[in-house]
PDB file of N, CA and C in Angstrom:
ATOM      1  N   THR A   1      18.276  38.733 -14.239  1.00  0.00           N
ATOM      2  CA  THR A   1      19.028  39.794 -13.916  1.00  0.00           C
ATOM      3  C   THR A   1      19.864  40.209 -14.654  1.00  0.00           C
ATOM      4  N   PRO A   2      20.043  40.579 -15.991  1.00  0.00           N
ATOM      5  CA  PRO A   2      20.692  40.820 -17.125  1.00  0.00           C
ATOM      6  C   PRO A   2      21.492  42.001 -17.110  1.00  0.00           C
ATOM      7  N   THR A   3      22.788  42.134 -17.377  1.00  0.00           N
ATOM      8  CA  THR A   3      23.107  43.398 -17.421  1.00  0.00           C
ATOM      9  C   THR A   3      23.719  43.701 -18.867  1.00  0.00           C
ATOM     10  N   HIS A   4      23.426  44.984 -19.086  1.00  0.00           N
ATOM     11  CA  HIS A   4      23.441  45.592 -20.723  1.00  0.00           C
ATOM     12  C   HIS A   4      24.463  44.810 -21.756  1.00  0.00           C
ATOM     13  N   LEU A   5      25.854  44.962 -21.061  1.00  0.00           N
ATOM     14  CA  LEU A   5      26.639  44.162 -22.087  1.00  0.00           C
ATOM     15  C   LEU A   5      26.801  43.174 -22.533  1.00  0.00           C
ATOM     16  N   SER A   6      26.526  42.327 -21.188  1.00  0.00           N
ATOM     17  CA  SER A   6      26.929  40.825 -21.141  1.00  0.00           C
ATOM     18  C   SER A   6      25.672  40.245 -21.421  1.00  0.00           C
ATOM     19  N   ARG A   7      24.581  40.587 -20.966  1.00  0.00           N
ATOM     20  CA  ARG A   7      23.513  39.908 -21.233  1.00  0.00           C
ATOM     21  C   ARG A   7      23.142  38.752 -20.176  1.00  0.00           C
ATOM     22  N   GLU A   8      24.299  38.976 -19.142  1.00  0.00           N
ATOM     23  CA  GLU A   8      24.436  37.859 -18.269  1.00  0.00           C
ATOM     24  C   GLU A   8      23.100  37.875 -17.296  1.00  0.00           C
ATOM     25  N   SER A   9      22.555  36.731 -17.220  1.00  0.00           N
ATOM     26  CA  SER A   9      21.298  36.285 -16.613  1.00  0.00           C
ATOM     27  C   SER A   9      21.265  35.300 -15.646  1.00  0.00           C
ATOM     28  N   HIS A  10      20.689  35.663 -14.357  1.00  0.00           N
ATOM     29  CA  HIS A  10      20.564  34.637 -13.280  1.00  0.00           C
ATOM     30  C   HIS A  10      19.151  34.379 -12.990  1.00  0.00           C
ATOM     31  N   ALA A  11      18.847  33.069 -12.182  1.00  0.00           N
ATOM     32  CA  ALA A  11      17.550  33.156 -12.071  1.00  0.00           C
ATOM     33  C   ALA A  11      17.143  32.432 -10.627  1.00  0.00           C
ATOM     34  N   THR A  12      16.362  32.425  -9.793  1.00  0.00           N
ATOM     35  CA  THR A  12      16.455  31.900  -8.310  1.00  0.00           C
ATOM     36  C   THR A  12      15.216  30.910  -8.695  1.00  0.00           C
ATOM     37  N   ASP A  13      15.210  29.827  -7.897  1.00  0.00           N
ATOM     38  CA  ASP A  13      14.045  28.678  -7.978  1.00  0.00           C
ATOM     39  C   ASP A  13      13.070  29.714  -7.414  1.00  0.00           C
ATOM     40  N   PRO A  14      11.395  29.131  -8.175  1.00  0.00           N
ATOM     41  CA  PRO A  14      10.663  29.583  -7.504  1.00  0.00           C
ATOM     42  C   PRO A  14      10.053  29.590  -6.060  1.00  0.00           C
ATOM     43  N   VAL A  15       9.315  30.717  -5.443  1.00  0.00           N
ATOM     44  CA  VAL A  15       9.034  30.048  -4.070  1.00  0.00           C
ATOM     45  C   VAL A  15       7.849  30.130  -4.213  1.00  0.00           C
ATOM     46  N   LYS A  16       7.267  28.499  -3.953  1.00  0.00           N
ATOM     47  CA  LYS A  16       5.634  28.505  -3.783  1.00  0.00           C
ATOM     48  C   LYS A  16       5.009  28.828  -2.808  1.00  0.00           C
ATOM     49  N   SER A  17       3.588  29.075  -2.890  1.00  0.00           N
ATOM     50  CA  SER A  17       2.698  29.474  -2.140  1.00  0.00           C
ATOM     51  C   SER A  17       3.015  30.322  -0.885  1.00  0.00           C
ATOM     52  N   SER A  18       3.736  31.887  -1.273  1.00  0.00           N
ATOM     53  CA  SER A  18       4.082  32.934  -0.856  1.00  0.00           C
ATOM     54  C   SER A  18       3.308  34.023  -1.438  1.00  0.00           C
ATOM     55  N   LEU A  19       2.970  34.779  -0.566  1.00  0.00           N
ATOM     56  CA  LEU A  19       2.577  36.219  -0.900  1.00  0.00           C
ATOM     57  C   LEU A  19       3.942  37.193  -0.462  1.00  0.00           C
ATOM     58  N   ASP A  20       4.804  36.656   0.478  1.00  0.00           N
ATOM     59  CA  ASP A  20       5.768  37.215   0.832  1.00  0.00           C
ATOM     60  C   ASP A  20       7.478  36.466   0.631  1.00  0.00           C
ATOM     61  N   PRO A  21       7.480  36.471  -0.594  1.00  0.00           N
ATOM     62  CA  PRO A  21       8.784  35.262  -0.871  1.00  0.00           C
ATOM     63  C   PRO A  21      10.006  35.921  -0.320  1.00  0.00           C
ATOM     64  N   LYS A  22      11.384  35.095  -0.312  1.00  0.00           N
ATOM     65  CA  LYS A  22      12.200  35.358   0.501  1.00  0.00           C
ATOM     66  C   LYS A  22      13.414  34.359  -0.317  1.00  0.00           C
ATOM     67  N   TRP A  23      14.431  35.029  -1.468  1.00  0.00           N
ATOM     68  CA  TRP A  23      15.209  34.542  -1.775  1.00  0.00           C
ATOM     69  C   TRP A  23      16.320  34.002  -0.959  1.00  0.00           C
ATOM     70  N   ASN A  24      17.067  35.457  -0.814  1.00  0.00           N
ATOM     71  CA  ASN A  24      18.385  35.289   0.098  1.00  0.00           C
ATOM     72  C   ASN A  24      19.781  34.403  -0.889  1.00  0.00           C
ATOM     73  N   LYS A  25      19.562  35.077  -2.246  1.00  0.00           N
ATOM     74  CA  LYS A  25      20.244  34.544  -3.054  1.00  0.00           C
ATOM     75  C   LYS A  25      21.726  35.660  -3.228  1.00  0.00           C
ATOM     76  N   HIS A  26      22.842  34.914  -3.792  1.00  0.00           N
ATOM     77  CA  HIS A  26      23.834  35.864  -3.802  1.00  0.00           C
ATOM     78  C   HIS A  26      24.637  35.663  -5.085  1.00  0.00           C
ATOM     79  N   TYR A  27      24.669  36.746  -5.619  1.00  0.00           N
ATOM     80  CA  TYR A  27      25.186  36.493  -7.227  1.00  0.00           C
ATOM     81  C   TYR A  27      26.390  37.603  -7.241  1.00  0.00           C
ATOM     82  N   ASP A  28      27.635  37.134  -8.060  1.00  0.00           N
ATOM     83  CA  ASP A  28      28.853  37.979  -8.335  1.00  0.00           C
ATOM     84  C   ASP A  28      28.679  38.315  -9.940  1.00  0.00           C
ATOM     85  N   LEU A  29      28.593  39.479  -9.759  1.00  0.00           N
ATOM     86  CA  LEU A  29      28.229  40.488 -10.999  1.00  0.00           C
ATOM     87  C   LEU A  29      29.757  40.921 -11.299  1.00  0.00           C
ATOM     88  N   TYR A  30      30.519  41.024 -12.474  1.00  0.00           N
ATOM     89  CA  TYR A  30      31.200  42.124 -12.819  1.00  0.00           C
ATOM     90  C   TYR A  30      30.925  43.300 -13.768  1.00  0.00           C
ATOM     91  N   LEU A  31      30.878  44.030 -13.377  1.00  0.00           N
ATOM     92  CA  LEU A  31      30.129  45.450 -13.847  1.00  0.00           C
ATOM     93  C   LEU A  31      31.275  46.475 -14.076  1.00  0.00           C
ATOM     94  N   THR A  32      30.841  47.278 -15.328  1.00  0.00           N
ATOM     95  CA  THR A  32      31.369  48.553 -15.580  1.00  0.00           C
ATOM     96  C   THR A  32      30.973  49.594 -15.113  1.00  0.00           C
ATOM     97  N   LYS A  33      31.153  50.901 -15.459  1.00  0.00           N
ATOM     98  CA  LYS A  33      30.458  51.881 -15.300  1.00  0.00           C
ATOM     99  C   LYS A  33      29.061  52.371 -15.961  1.00  0.00           C
ATOM    100  N   THR A  34      29.240  51.430 -16.892  1.00  0.00           N
ATOM    101  CA  THR A  34      28.269  51.792 -18.194  1.00  0.00           C
ATOM    102  C   THR A  34      27.310  51.106 -18.304  1.00  0.00           C
ATOM    103  N   ASP A  35      27.680  49.868 -17.130  1.00  0.00           N
ATOM    104  CA  ASP A  35      26.573  48.462 -17.078  1.00  0.00           C
ATOM    105  C   ASP A  35      25.190  49.026 -16.130  1.00  0.00           C
ATOM    106  N   SER A  36      24.206  48.025 -16.513  1.00  0.00           N
ATOM    107  CA  SER A  36      22.978  48.442 -15.756  1.00  0.00           C
ATOM    108  C   SER A  36      22.600  46.859 -15.127  1.00  0.00           C
ATOM    109  N   VAL A  37      21.703  46.633 -14.123  1.00  0.00           N
ATOM    110  CA  VAL A  37      20.982  45.733 -13.831  1.00  0.00           C
ATOM    111  C   VAL A  37      19.822  45.855 -13.486  1.00  0.00           C
ATOM    112  N   THR A  38      19.138  44.928 -14.008  1.00  0.00           N
ATOM    113  CA  THR A  38      17.301  45.074 -13.824  1.00  0.00           C
ATOM    114  C   THR A  38      16.956  43.490 -13.390  1.00  0.00           C
ATOM    115  N   ILE A  39      16.462  43.672 -11.979  1.00  0.00           N
ATOM    116  CA  ILE A  39      15.922  42.753 -11.456  1.00  0.00           C
ATOM    117  C   ILE A  39      14.374  42.524 -11.614  1.00  0.00           C
ATOM    118  N   SER A  40      14.226  41.570 -11.933  1.00  0.00           N
ATOM    119  CA  SER A  40      12.505  41.439 -12.448  1.00  0.00           C
ATOM    120  C   SER A  40      11.872  40.214 -11.680  1.00  0.00           C
ATOM    121  N   ILE A  41      10.639  40.444 -11.212  1.00  0.00           N
ATOM    122  CA  ILE A  41      10.122  39.491 -10.189  1.00  0.00           C
ATOM    123  C   ILE A  41       8.677  38.821 -11.190  1.00  0.00           C
ATOM    124  N   TRP A  42       8.604  37.733 -11.398  1.00  0.00           N
ATOM    125  CA  TRP A  42       7.470  36.954 -12.232  1.00  0.00           C
ATOM    126  C   TRP A  42       6.728  36.489 -11.337  1.00  0.00           C
ATOM    127  N   ASN A  43       5.748  35.842 -11.645  1.00  0.00           N
ATOM    128  CA  ASN A  43       4.889  34.908 -10.692  1.00  0.00           C
ATOM    129  C   ASN A  43       4.795  33.471 -11.413  1.00  0.00           C
ATOM    130  N   TYR A  44       5.551  32.374 -11.270  1.00  0.00           N
ATOM    131  CA  TYR A  44       6.434  31.252 -11.835  1.00  0.00           C
ATOM    132  C   TYR A  44       5.023  30.936 -12.566  1.00  0.00           C
ATOM    133  N   ARG A  45       3.820  30.291 -11.706  1.00  0.00           N
ATOM    134  CA  ARG A  45       2.738  29.703 -11.948  1.00  0.00           C
ATOM    135  C   ARG A  45       1.953  30.404 -13.225  1.00  0.00           C
ATOM    136  N   LYS A  46       1.796  31.382 -13.220  1.00  0.00           N
ATOM    137  CA  LYS A  46       1.452  32.110 -14.166  1.00  0.00           C
ATOM    138  C   LYS A  46       2.017  31.839 -15.960  1.00  0.00           C
ATOM    139  N   THR A  47       3.519  32.131 -15.377  1.00  0.00           N
ATOM    140  CA  THR A  47       4.378  31.937 -16.906  1.00  0.00           C
ATOM    141  C   THR A  47       4.437  30.898 -17.208  1.00  0.00           C
ATOM    142  N   ARG A  48       4.050  29.662 -16.277  1.00  0.00           N
ATOM    143  CA  ARG A  48       3.957  28.145 -16.971  1.00  0.00           C
ATOM    144  C   ARG A  48       2.695  27.816 -17.715  1.00  0.00           C
ATOM    145  N   ASN A  49       1.557  28.485 -17.518  1.00  0.00           N
ATOM    146  CA  ASN A  49       0.226  28.522 -17.982  1.00  0.00           C
ATOM    147  C   ASN A  49       0.276  29.271 -19.152  1.00  0.00           C
ATOM    148  N   ASN A  50       1.214  29.740 -19.702  1.00  0.00           N
ATOM    149  CA  ASN A  50       1.013  30.731 -20.899  1.00  0.00           C
ATOM    150  C   ASN A  50       0.431  31.868 -20.675  1.00  0.00           C
ATOM    151  N   ARG A  51       0.352  32.572 -19.738  1.00  0.00           N
ATOM    152  CA  ARG A  51      -0.027  33.685 -19.174  1.00  0.00           C
ATOM    153  C   ARG A  51       0.935  34.565 -18.934  1.00  0.00           C
ATOM    154  N   GLU A  52       2.390  34.562 -19.600  1.00  0.00           N
ATOM    155  CA  GLU A  52       3.555  35.308 -19.180  1.00  0.00           C
ATOM    156  C   GLU A  52       3.285  37.099 -18.898  1.00  0.00           C
ATOM    157  N   LYS A  53       2.310  37.627 -19.823  1.00  0.00           N
ATOM    158  CA  LYS A  53       2.198  39.164 -19.392  1.00  0.00           C
ATOM    159  C   LYS A  53       1.308  39.437 -18.019  1.00  0.00           C
ATOM    160  N   GLU A  54       0.517  38.169 -17.652  1.00  0.00           N
ATOM    161  CA  GLU A  54      -0.133  38.122 -16.475  1.00  0.00           C
ATOM    162  C   GLU A  54       0.777  37.913 -15.227  1.00  0.00           C
ATOM    163  N   GLY A  55       2.052  36.988 -15.624  1.00  0.00           N
ATOM    164  CA  GLY A  55       2.989  36.635 -14.853  1.00  0.00           C
ATOM    165  C   GLY A  55       3.734  38.053 -13.815  1.00  0.00           C
ATOM    166  N   PHE A  56       3.882  38.761 -15.007  1.00  0.00           N
ATOM    167  CA  PHE A  56       5.035  39.830 -14.718  1.00  0.00           C
ATOM    168  C   PHE A  56       4.417  40.421 -13.050  1.00  0.00           C
ATOM    169  N   LEU A  57       5.579  40.415 -12.393  1.00  0.00           N
ATOM    170  CA  LEU A  57       5.175  41.236 -10.961  1.00  0.00           C
ATOM    171  C   LEU A  57       5.540  42.585 -10.807  1.00  0.00           C
ATOM    172  N   GLY A  58       7.357  43.073 -11.419  1.00  0.00           N
ATOM    173  CA  GLY A  58       7.258  44.183 -11.557  1.00  0.00           C
ATOM    174  C   GLY A  58       9.028  43.950 -11.436  1.00  0.00           C
ATOM    175  N   SER A  59       9.881  45.469 -11.825  1.00  0.00           N
ATOM    176  CA  SER A  59      11.006  45.042 -11.877  1.00  0.00           C
ATOM    177  C   SER A  59      11.863  46.427 -11.303  1.00  0.00           C
ATOM    178  N   VAL A  60      12.932  46.241 -11.034  1.00  0.00           N
ATOM    179  CA  VAL A  60      14.089  47.488 -10.908  1.00  0.00           C
ATOM    180  C   VAL A  60      15.117  47.195 -11.584  1.00  0.00           C
ATOM    181  N   LYS A  61      15.042  48.278 -12.248  1.00  0.00           N
ATOM    182  CA  LYS A  61      16.677  48.684 -13.370  1.00  0.00           C
ATOM    183  C   LYS A  61      17.855  49.916 -12.417  1.00  0.00           C
ATOM    184  N   LEU A  62      18.654  49.151 -12.651  1.00  0.00           N
ATOM    185  CA  LEU A  62      19.549  49.994 -11.846  1.00  0.00           C
ATOM    186  C   LEU A  62      20.652  50.654 -12.817  1.00  0.00           C
ATOM    187  N   SER A  63      20.902  51.460 -12.699  1.00  0.00           N
ATOM    188  CA  SER A  63      22.183  52.350 -13.790  1.00  0.00           C
ATOM    189  C   SER A  63      23.458  51.902 -12.794  1.00  0.00           C
ATOM    190  N   GLY A  64      24.327  52.096 -13.819  1.00  0.00           N
ATOM    191  CA  GLY A  64      25.761  51.785 -12.997  1.00  0.00           C
ATOM    192  C   GLY A  64      26.218  53.173 -11.752  1.00  0.00           C
ATOM    193  N   VAL A  65      25.406  54.319 -12.215  1.00  0.00           N
ATOM    194  CA  VAL A  65      25.407  55.285 -11.337  1.00  0.00           C
ATOM    195  C   VAL A  65      24.878  54.884 -10.031  1.00  0.00           C
ATOM    196  N   MET A  66      23.661  54.348 -10.214  1.00  0.00           N
ATOM    197  CA  MET A  66      22.870  53.956  -9.028  1.00  0.00           C
ATOM    198  C   MET A  66      23.647  52.749  -8.108  1.00  0.00           C
ATOM    199  N   ILE A  67      24.211  51.763  -8.949  1.00  0.00           N
ATOM    200  CA  ILE A  67      24.497  50.970  -8.022  1.00  0.00           C
ATOM    201  C   ILE A  67      26.090  51.345  -7.443  1.00  0.00           C
ATOM    202  N   ASN A  68      26.788  52.235  -8.336  1.00  0.00           N
ATOM    203  CA  ASN A  68      27.597  52.794  -7.601  1.00  0.00           C
ATOM    204  C   ASN A  68      26.994  53.213  -6.061  1.00  0.00           C
ATOM    205  N   ARG A  69      26.223  54.258  -6.273  1.00  0.00           N
ATOM    206  CA  ARG A  69      25.860  55.065  -4.766  1.00  0.00           C
ATOM    207  C   ARG A  69      25.189  53.482  -3.782  1.00  0.00           C
ATOM    208  N   LEU A  70      24.931  52.720  -4.188  1.00  0.00           N
ATOM    209  CA  LEU A  70      23.943  51.753  -3.330  1.00  0.00           C
ATOM    210  C   LEU A  70      25.382  50.763  -2.739  1.00  0.00           C
ATOM    211  N   LYS A  71      26.427  50.584  -3.376  1.00  0.00           N
ATOM    212  CA  LYS A  71      27.448  49.296  -2.927  1.00  0.00           C
ATOM    213  C   LYS A  71      27.715  49.749  -2.026  1.00  0.00           C
ATOM    214  N   ASP A  72      27.908  48.832  -0.895  1.00  0.00           N
ATOM    215  CA  ASP A  72      28.552  49.339   0.434  1.00  0.00           C
ATOM    216  C   ASP A  72      27.679  49.628   1.439  1.00  0.00           C
ATOM    217  N   THR A  73      26.512  49.798   1.056  1.00  0.00           N
ATOM    218  CA  THR A  73      25.702  50.774   2.045  1.00  0.00           C
ATOM    219  C   THR A  73      24.589  49.645   2.654  1.00  0.00           C
ATOM    220  N   GLY A  74      24.926  48.743   2.768  1.00  0.00           N
ATOM    221  CA  GLY A  74      23.864  47.534   3.266  1.00  0.00           C
ATOM    222  C   GLY A  74      22.493  47.188   2.418  1.00  0.00           C
ATOM    223  N   TYR A  75      21.304  46.795   3.155  1.00  0.00           N
ATOM    224  CA  TYR A  75      20.541  46.642   2.578  1.00  0.00           C
ATOM    225  C   TYR A  75      19.584  47.492   2.221  1.00  0.00           C
ATOM    226  N   GLN A  76      18.943  47.813   1.288  1.00  0.00           N
ATOM    227  CA  GLN A  76      18.091  48.850  -0.009  1.00  0.00           C
ATOM    228  C   GLN A  76      16.902  48.406  -0.238  1.00  0.00           C
ATOM    229  N   ARG A  77      15.938  48.923   0.232  1.00  0.00           N
ATOM    230  CA  ARG A  77      14.566  48.539  -0.004  1.00  0.00           C
ATOM    231  C   ARG A  77      13.918  49.278  -1.718  1.00  0.00           C
ATOM    232  N   LEU A  78      13.953  48.795  -2.338  1.00  0.00           N
ATOM    233  CA  LEU A  78      13.490  49.618  -3.930  1.00  0.00           C
ATOM    234  C   LEU A  78      11.951  49.275  -4.360  1.00  0.00           C
ATOM    235  N   ASP A  79      11.234  50.026  -4.645  1.00  0.00           N
ATOM    236  CA  ASP A  79      10.035  49.720  -4.946  1.00  0.00           C
ATOM    237  C   ASP A  79      10.019  49.420  -6.512  1.00  0.00           C
ATOM    238  N   LEU A  80       9.283  48.198  -6.876  1.00  0.00           N
ATOM    239  CA  LEU A  80       9.304  47.557  -8.053  1.00  0.00           C
ATOM    240  C   LEU A  80       8.155  48.326  -9.300  1.00  0.00           C
ATOM    241  N   THR A  81       8.858  48.389 -10.568  1.00  0.00           N
ATOM    242  CA  THR A  81       7.859  49.499 -11.426  1.00  0.00           C
ATOM    243  C   THR A  81       7.619  48.572 -12.516  1.00  0.00           C
ATOM    244  N   ARG A  82       6.915  49.355 -13.465  1.00  0.00           N
ATOM    245  CA  ARG A  82       6.376  48.591 -14.910  1.00  0.00           C
ATOM    246  C   ARG A  82       7.285  49.289 -15.792  1.00  0.00           C
ATOM    247  N   PRO A  83       7.860  48.999 -16.786  1.00  0.00           N
ATOM    248  CA  PRO A  83       8.956  49.187 -17.505  1.00  0.00           C
ATOM    249  C   PRO A  83       7.699  50.409 -18.664  1.00  0.00           C
ATOM    250  N   SER A  84       8.139  50.856 -19.215  1.00  0.00           N
ATOM    251  CA  SER A  84       7.612  51.989 -20.063  1.00  0.00           C
ATOM    252  C   SER A  84       6.782  51.155 -21.425  1.00  0.00           C
ATOM    253  N   ASP A  85       7.852  50.159 -21.679  1.00  0.00           N
ATOM    254  CA  ASP A  85       6.967  49.701 -22.866  1.00  0.00           C
ATOM    255  C   ASP A  85       6.086  48.588 -22.752  1.00  0.00           C
ATOM    256  N   MET A  86       5.537  48.428 -21.134  1.00  0.00           N
ATOM    257  CA  MET A  86       4.334  47.818 -20.930  1.00  0.00           C
ATOM    258  C   MET A  86       3.297  48.295 -20.764  1.00  0.00           C
ATOM    259  N   ASP A  87       2.234  47.651 -21.231  1.00  0.00           N
ATOM    260  CA  ASP A  87       1.219  48.000 -21.520  1.00  0.00           C
ATOM    261  C   ASP A  87       0.447  48.972 -19.724  1.00  0.00           C
ATOM    262  N   ASP A  88      -0.084  49.874 -19.939  1.00  0.00           N
ATOM    263  CA  ASP A  88      -0.786  50.605 -18.645  1.00  0.00           C
ATOM    264  C   ASP A  88      -1.699  49.595 -17.897  1.00  0.00           C
ATOM    265  N   ASP A  89      -2.316  48.664 -18.279  1.00  0.00           N
ATOM    266  CA  ASP A  89      -3.214  48.107 -17.392  1.00  0.00           C
ATOM    267  C   ASP A  89      -2.777  46.983 -16.289  1.00  0.00           C
ATOM    268  N   CYS A  90      -1.026  46.765 -16.867  1.00  0.00           N
ATOM    269  CA  CYS A  90      -0.379  45.756 -15.608  1.00  0.00           C
ATOM    270  C   CYS A  90      -0.128  46.695 -14.412  1.00  0.00           C
ATOM    271  N   VAL A  91      -0.611  46.026 -13.276  1.00  0.00           N
ATOM    272  CA  VAL A  91      -0.246  46.432 -12.159  1.00  0.00           C
ATOM    273  C   VAL A  91       0.471  46.248 -11.742  1.00  0.00           C
ATOM    274  N   VAL A  92       1.731  47.080 -11.067  1.00  0.00           N
ATOM    275  CA  VAL A  92       3.006  46.686 -10.513  1.00  0.00           C
ATOM    276  C   VAL A  92       2.678  47.268  -8.973  1.00  0.00           C
ATOM    277  N   ARG A  93       2.883  46.735  -8.191  1.00  0.00           N
ATOM    278  CA  ARG A  93       3.634  46.921  -6.707  1.00  0.00           C
ATOM    279  C   ARG A  93       3.742  46.203  -5.775  1.00  0.00           C
ATOM    280  N   GLY A  94       4.965  46.523  -4.811  1.00  0.00           N
ATOM    281  CA  GLY A  94       5.641  45.822  -3.933  1.00  0.00           C
ATOM    282  C   GLY A  94       7.118  46.472  -4.206  1.00  0.00           C
ATOM    283  N   GLN A  95       8.114  46.067  -3.392  1.00  0.00           N
ATOM    284  CA  GLN A  95       9.517  45.876  -3.133  1.00  0.00           C
ATOM    285  C   GLN A  95      10.392  44.887  -3.168  1.00  0.00           C
ATOM    286  N   VAL A  96      11.596  45.023  -3.577  1.00  0.00           N
ATOM    287  CA  VAL A  96      12.604  44.079  -3.221  1.00  0.00           C
ATOM    288  C   VAL A  96      13.771  44.759  -2.577  1.00  0.00           C
ATOM    289  N   VAL A  97      14.666  43.894  -1.786  1.00  0.00           N
ATOM    290  CA  VAL A  97      15.358  44.405  -0.595  1.00  0.00           C
ATOM    291  C   VAL A  97      16.756  43.624  -1.319  1.00  0.00           C
ATOM    292  N   VAL A  98      17.471  44.532  -1.733  1.00  0.00           N
ATOM    293  CA  VAL A  98      18.803  44.228  -1.998  1.00  0.00           C
ATOM    294  C   VAL A  98      20.267  44.867  -1.411  1.00  0.00           C
ATOM    295  N   SER A  99      21.020  44.656  -1.917  1.00  0.00           N
ATOM    296  CA  SER A  99      22.569  44.825  -1.232  1.00  0.00           C
ATOM    297  C   SER A  99      23.702  44.646  -2.377  1.00  0.00           C
ATOM    298  N   PHE A 100      24.453  45.267  -2.741  1.00  0.00           N
ATOM    299  CA  PHE A 100      25.519  45.745  -3.142  1.00  0.00           C
ATOM    300  C   PHE A 100      26.445  45.746  -2.479  1.00  0.00           C
ATOM    301  N   SER A 101      27.523  44.865  -3.156  1.00  0.00           N
ATOM    302  CA  SER A 101      29.196  45.168  -2.458  1.00  0.00           C
ATOM    303  C   SER A 101      30.236  45.396  -3.572  1.00  0.00           C
ATOM    304  N   ALA A 102      31.102  45.934  -2.776  1.00  0.00           N
ATOM    305  CA  ALA A 102      32.519  46.120  -4.116  1.00  0.00           C
ATOM    306  C   ALA A 102      33.371  45.260  -3.762  1.00  0.00           C
ATOM    307  N   HIS A 103      33.752  44.886  -4.829  1.00  0.00           N
ATOM    308  CA  HIS A 103      35.299  44.194  -4.467  1.00  0.00           C
ATOM    309  C   HIS A 103      36.605  44.763  -5.287  1.00  0.00           C
ATOM    310  N   ASP A 104      36.233  46.044  -5.641  1.00  0.00           N
ATOM    311  CA  ASP A 104      37.242  46.599  -6.503  1.00  0.00           C
ATOM    312  C   ASP A 104      38.418  47.015  -5.482  1.00  0.00           C
ATOM    313  N   HIS A 105      39.229  47.024  -6.066  1.00  0.00           N
ATOM    314  CA  HIS A 105      40.626  47.669  -4.974  1.00  0.00           C
ATOM    315  C   HIS A 105      41.068  49.109  -5.263  1.00  0.00           C
ATOM    316  N   ALA A 106      40.561  49.471  -6.512  1.00  0.00           N
ATOM    317  CA  ALA A 106      40.744  50.935  -6.864  1.00  0.00           C
ATOM    318  C   ALA A 106      40.574  52.207  -5.770  1.00  0.00           C
ATOM    319  N   ARG A 107      39.901  51.955  -4.763  1.00  0.00           N
ATOM    320  CA  ARG A 107      39.522  52.461  -4.081  1.00  0.00           C
ATOM    321  C   ARG A 107      39.112  52.236  -2.705  1.00  0.00           C
ATOM    322  N   PRO A 108      39.125  52.686  -1.305  1.00  0.00           N
ATOM    323  CA  PRO A 108      39.218  52.010   0.072  1.00  0.00           C
ATOM    324  C   PRO A 108      37.476  51.815   0.066  1.00  0.00           C
ATOM    325  N   GLN A 109      37.427  50.801   0.955  1.00  0.00           N
ATOM    326  CA  GLN A 109      36.459  50.049   0.987  1.00  0.00           C
ATOM    327  C   GLN A 109      35.638  50.882   2.143  1.00  0.00           C
ATOM    328  N   MET A 110      34.348  51.309   1.824  1.00  0.00           N
ATOM    329  CA  MET A 110      33.664  51.759   2.720  1.00  0.00           C
ATOM    330  C   MET A 110      32.840  51.266   3.694  1.00  0.00           C
ATOM    331  N   PRO A 111      32.846  51.384   5.095  1.00  0.00           N
ATOM    332  CA  PRO A 111      32.482  50.473   5.777  1.00  0.00           C
ATOM    333  C   PRO A 111      30.852  50.135   5.825  1.00  0.00           C
ATOM    334  N   ALA A 112      30.433  48.959   5.445  1.00  0.00           N
ATOM    335  CA  ALA A 112      29.057  48.726   4.931  1.00  0.00           C
ATOM    336  C   ALA A 112      28.375  48.016   6.426  1.00  0.00           C
ATOM    337  N   SER A 113      27.112  48.548   6.538  1.00  0.00           N
ATOM    338  CA  SER A 113      26.277  47.946   7.812  1.00  0.00           C
ATOM    339  C   SER A 113      26.367  46.288   7.756  1.00  0.00           C
ATOM    340  N   ASP A 114      25.551  46.011   8.807  1.00  0.00           N
ATOM    341  CA  ASP A 114      25.802  44.675   9.140  1.00  0.00           C
ATOM    342  C   ASP A 114      25.426  43.826   8.262  1.00  0.00           C
ATOM    343  N   PRO A 115      25.908  43.066   7.659  1.00  0.00           N
ATOM    344  CA  PRO A 115      25.066  42.073   6.600  1.00  0.00           C
ATOM    345  C   PRO A 115      24.030  41.600   7.457  1.00  0.00           C
ATOM    346  N   ASN A 116      23.891  41.386   8.130  1.00  0.00           N
ATOM    347  CA  ASN A 116      22.948  40.319   9.055  1.00  0.00           C
ATOM    348  C   ASN A 116      21.773  41.021   9.223  1.00  0.00           C
ATOM    349  N   GLU A 117      21.619  42.373   9.097  1.00  0.00           N
ATOM    350  CA  GLU A 117      20.723  43.318   9.217  1.00  0.00           C
ATOM    351  C   GLU A 117      19.839  43.660   8.449  1.00  0.00           C
ATOM    352  N   LEU A 118      18.703  43.273   8.532  1.00  0.00           N
ATOM    353  CA  LEU A 118      17.442  43.226   7.504  1.00  0.00           C
ATOM    354  C   LEU A 118      16.867  44.900   7.730  1.00  0.00           C
ATOM    355  N   PRO A 119      16.472  45.441   6.564  1.00  0.00           N
ATOM    356  CA  PRO A 119      15.931  46.637   6.954  1.00  0.00           C
ATOM    357  C   PRO A 119      14.172  46.596   7.917  1.00  0.00           C
ATOM    358  N   GLU A 120      14.624  47.694   8.599  1.00  0.00           N
ATOM    359  CA  GLU A 120      12.977  47.547   9.992  1.00  0.00           C
ATOM    360  C   GLU A 120      11.742  47.210   9.405  1.00  0.00           C
ATOM    361  N   GLY A 121      11.200  46.147  10.126  1.00  0.00           N
ATOM    362  CA  GLY A 121      10.009  45.821   9.560  1.00  0.00           C
ATOM    363  C   GLY A 121      10.172  44.333   8.811  1.00  0.00           C
ATOM    364  N   TRP A 122      11.711  44.037   8.352  1.00  0.00           N
ATOM    365  CA  TRP A 122      11.633  43.094   7.825  1.00  0.00           C
ATOM    366  C   TRP A 122      12.472  41.564   8.532  1.00  0.00           C
ATOM    367  N   GLU A 123      12.081  40.603   8.089  1.00  0.00           N
ATOM    368  CA  GLU A 123      12.579  39.425   8.877  1.00  0.00           C
ATOM    369  C   GLU A 123      13.145  38.384   8.112  1.00  0.00           C
ATOM    370  N   GLU A 124      14.094  37.453   8.677  1.00  0.00           N
ATOM    371  CA  GLU A 124      14.816  36.550   7.428  1.00  0.00           C
ATOM    372  C   GLU A 124      13.586  35.347   8.006  1.00  0.00           C
ATOM    373  N   ARG A 125      13.198  34.359   7.147  1.00  0.00           N
ATOM    374  CA  ARG A 125      12.594  33.045   7.320  1.00  0.00           C
ATOM    375  C   ARG A 125      13.327  32.093   6.579  1.00  0.00           C
ATOM    376  N   LYS A 126      13.818  30.811   7.443  1.00  0.00           N
ATOM    377  CA  LYS A 126      14.430  29.791   6.958  1.00  0.00           C
ATOM    378  C   LYS A 126      13.505  28.887   6.899  1.00  0.00           C
TER     379      LYS A 126
END
C-alpha cells in the first residue's frame, strides 16, 4: 500500500487455501492532502512461481480527496479494478473492505460507525 510521496509500503502475510481471505490488519499512515494510497491484492502462489502477471487480482487507488471522504465513516466495500497500464486480458473482480480513521486535531472528529460492525453480508473469521 504505497503512498505516492513517501513510497511507504506494507504487506500482509499470505492467506493460504482461501477464496475469501481476511486480513484484519491495521496500519498507521501519515498522509497529506496530496498523497494517495493504492491497495493491491495478489495471488501469492502465482507470484512465487514467476507468474507475477497472473498473480495480480486487483487494486484500489484512493486519492487524498477520496480518503478524506472515507475517513471516520466505518467499513467501506470498494471494488477492485485493473490499472489502465495493465493488459486488457487481465480479469479483475472482487472487493476489499477498508476503514480509514483520522487522528488529526485540526477539526473535530466525526462520530464513526461501530468499528466492530462489518458491512451487511460480511462476517469476521478467526
